[in-house]
Protein backbone atom coordinates (compact mmCIF):
# COMPACT_ATOMS: atom_id res chain seq x y z
CA MET A 1 -20.95 -20.50 -54.21
CA LYS A 2 -20.89 -21.47 -50.45
CA LYS A 3 -24.30 -22.74 -48.80
CA THR A 4 -25.13 -20.80 -45.80
CA ASN A 5 -25.80 -22.57 -42.45
CA PHE A 6 -28.49 -20.80 -40.40
CA ILE A 7 -27.41 -21.91 -36.96
CA GLN A 8 -23.71 -21.10 -37.72
CA GLU A 9 -24.74 -17.78 -38.90
CA LYS A 10 -27.26 -17.02 -36.07
CA SER A 11 -24.60 -18.27 -33.34
CA PHE A 12 -21.85 -16.17 -34.91
CA ASP A 13 -24.08 -13.19 -35.09
CA PHE A 14 -25.19 -13.77 -31.57
CA ALA A 15 -21.54 -13.77 -30.43
CA LEU A 16 -21.15 -10.42 -31.94
CA HIS A 17 -23.83 -9.00 -29.91
CA ILE A 18 -22.66 -10.65 -26.76
CA ILE A 19 -19.00 -9.05 -27.52
CA GLU A 20 -20.93 -5.74 -27.71
CA LEU A 21 -22.75 -6.38 -24.49
CA TYR A 22 -19.62 -7.35 -22.66
CA LYS A 23 -17.80 -4.11 -23.84
CA ASP A 24 -20.57 -2.17 -22.49
CA LEU A 25 -20.62 -4.01 -19.31
CA ARG A 26 -16.85 -3.99 -18.79
CA PHE A 27 -15.96 -0.53 -19.92
CA ASN A 28 -18.88 1.73 -19.38
CA GLN A 29 -20.68 -0.11 -16.26
CA LYS A 30 -17.57 -1.39 -14.63
CA GLU A 31 -18.98 -4.80 -14.14
CA PHE A 32 -16.11 -7.27 -14.38
CA VAL A 33 -17.34 -10.75 -13.28
CA LEU A 34 -20.69 -11.42 -14.89
CA SER A 35 -19.53 -9.53 -17.96
CA ARG A 36 -16.83 -12.34 -18.37
CA GLN A 37 -19.27 -15.10 -17.74
CA ILE A 38 -21.52 -13.93 -20.35
CA LEU A 39 -18.65 -13.33 -22.76
CA ARG A 40 -17.40 -16.91 -22.20
CA SER A 41 -20.83 -18.68 -22.56
CA GLY A 42 -22.21 -16.34 -25.34
CA THR A 43 -19.28 -16.91 -27.58
CA SER A 44 -18.99 -20.56 -26.81
CA ILE A 45 -21.99 -21.36 -28.68
CA GLY A 46 -20.87 -20.59 -32.23
CA ALA A 47 -17.50 -21.87 -31.53
CA ASN A 48 -19.03 -25.22 -30.56
CA VAL A 49 -21.38 -25.02 -33.47
CA GLU A 50 -18.22 -24.63 -35.67
CA GLU A 51 -16.43 -27.38 -34.18
CA ALA A 52 -19.75 -29.65 -34.70
CA ILE A 53 -19.90 -28.98 -38.55
CA GLY A 54 -16.18 -29.69 -38.71
CA GLY A 55 -16.90 -33.03 -36.92
CA PHE A 56 -15.73 -36.52 -38.36
CA SER A 57 -18.94 -38.21 -37.40
CA LYS A 58 -22.69 -37.77 -36.53
CA ARG A 59 -21.84 -38.71 -33.02
CA ASP A 60 -19.17 -36.05 -32.86
CA PHE A 61 -21.50 -33.62 -34.38
CA GLY A 62 -24.22 -34.39 -31.92
CA ALA A 63 -21.82 -33.99 -28.98
CA LYS A 64 -20.51 -30.60 -29.81
CA LEU A 65 -24.05 -29.50 -30.94
CA ASN A 66 -25.01 -30.84 -27.33
CA ILE A 67 -22.35 -28.32 -25.61
CA ALA A 68 -23.63 -25.44 -27.91
CA TYR A 69 -27.16 -26.10 -26.57
CA LYS A 70 -25.88 -26.26 -22.89
CA GLU A 71 -23.86 -23.28 -23.38
CA SER A 72 -26.92 -21.27 -24.95
CA ARG A 73 -29.05 -22.27 -21.84
CA GLU A 74 -26.18 -20.91 -19.57
CA THR A 75 -26.05 -17.62 -21.60
CA ARG A 76 -29.81 -17.38 -21.10
CA TYR A 77 -29.22 -17.62 -17.37
CA TRP A 78 -26.66 -14.97 -17.26
CA LEU A 79 -28.88 -12.50 -19.45
CA ARG A 80 -31.65 -13.02 -17.15
CA LEU A 81 -29.45 -12.33 -14.15
CA LEU A 82 -27.85 -9.14 -15.70
CA TYR A 83 -31.42 -7.93 -16.58
CA LYS A 84 -32.62 -8.60 -13.17
CA SER A 85 -29.68 -6.84 -11.50
CA LEU A 86 -30.30 -3.83 -13.71
CA PHE A 87 -27.11 -4.03 -15.89
CA VAL A 88 -28.88 -4.73 -19.15
CA ASN A 89 -32.05 -2.53 -19.96
CA GLN A 90 -35.53 -3.99 -21.23
CA ARG A 91 -34.79 -3.38 -24.95
CA ASP A 92 -31.34 -5.13 -24.91
CA PHE A 93 -32.63 -7.82 -22.95
CA SER A 94 -35.60 -8.40 -25.06
CA LEU A 95 -33.27 -8.66 -28.42
CA LEU A 96 -30.69 -10.93 -27.03
CA SER A 97 -33.10 -13.04 -25.02
CA ASN A 98 -35.10 -13.74 -28.12
CA ASP A 99 -31.96 -14.70 -30.35
CA CYS A 100 -30.87 -16.97 -27.44
CA ASP A 101 -34.32 -18.55 -27.27
CA GLN A 102 -34.31 -19.13 -31.00
CA ILE A 103 -30.70 -20.61 -30.92
CA ILE A 104 -32.05 -22.80 -28.24
CA ARG A 105 -34.97 -24.10 -30.23
CA ILE A 106 -32.98 -24.80 -33.48
CA LEU A 107 -30.39 -26.72 -31.57
CA THR A 108 -33.10 -28.72 -29.57
CA SER A 109 -34.66 -29.48 -32.96
CA ILE A 110 -31.29 -30.80 -34.34
CA LEU A 111 -30.67 -32.60 -31.46
CA LEU A 112 -34.06 -34.29 -31.58
CA THR A 113 -33.66 -35.26 -35.13
CA LEU A 114 -30.29 -36.78 -34.40
CA LYS A 115 -31.65 -38.69 -31.67
CA GLN A 116 -34.62 -40.05 -33.54
CA SER A 117 -32.34 -41.11 -36.27
CA GLY A 118 -30.13 -42.96 -33.86
CA HIS A 119 -27.04 -41.05 -34.29
CA ILE A 120 -26.88 -39.79 -30.64
CA LYS A 121 -28.39 -41.50 -27.37
């Protein structure tokens, strides 16, 4: 039986929600620029987590998780911008923002642990 990796699953599920948001923004609201930005950054988080898991060293693992962390921060920015510009309603913003913040906290914790153990600078 395969062991579940929480950040892997969380970032994958988050990417699915971002895709749904993208489809709504693109096809229902006809928003073409910001929707592509959040699609790129929001799905990149999970892709970088996957690459980290497949890394050949702790340093490689940390480097990819650091990219995932930066992408999650960028995604939080695009979410805030979409909310403040009235493209995303309060309910959807709260759900996505909470998930994004949780991902940021998890990645921060992992990166701090790697730093403390001397695997990354």
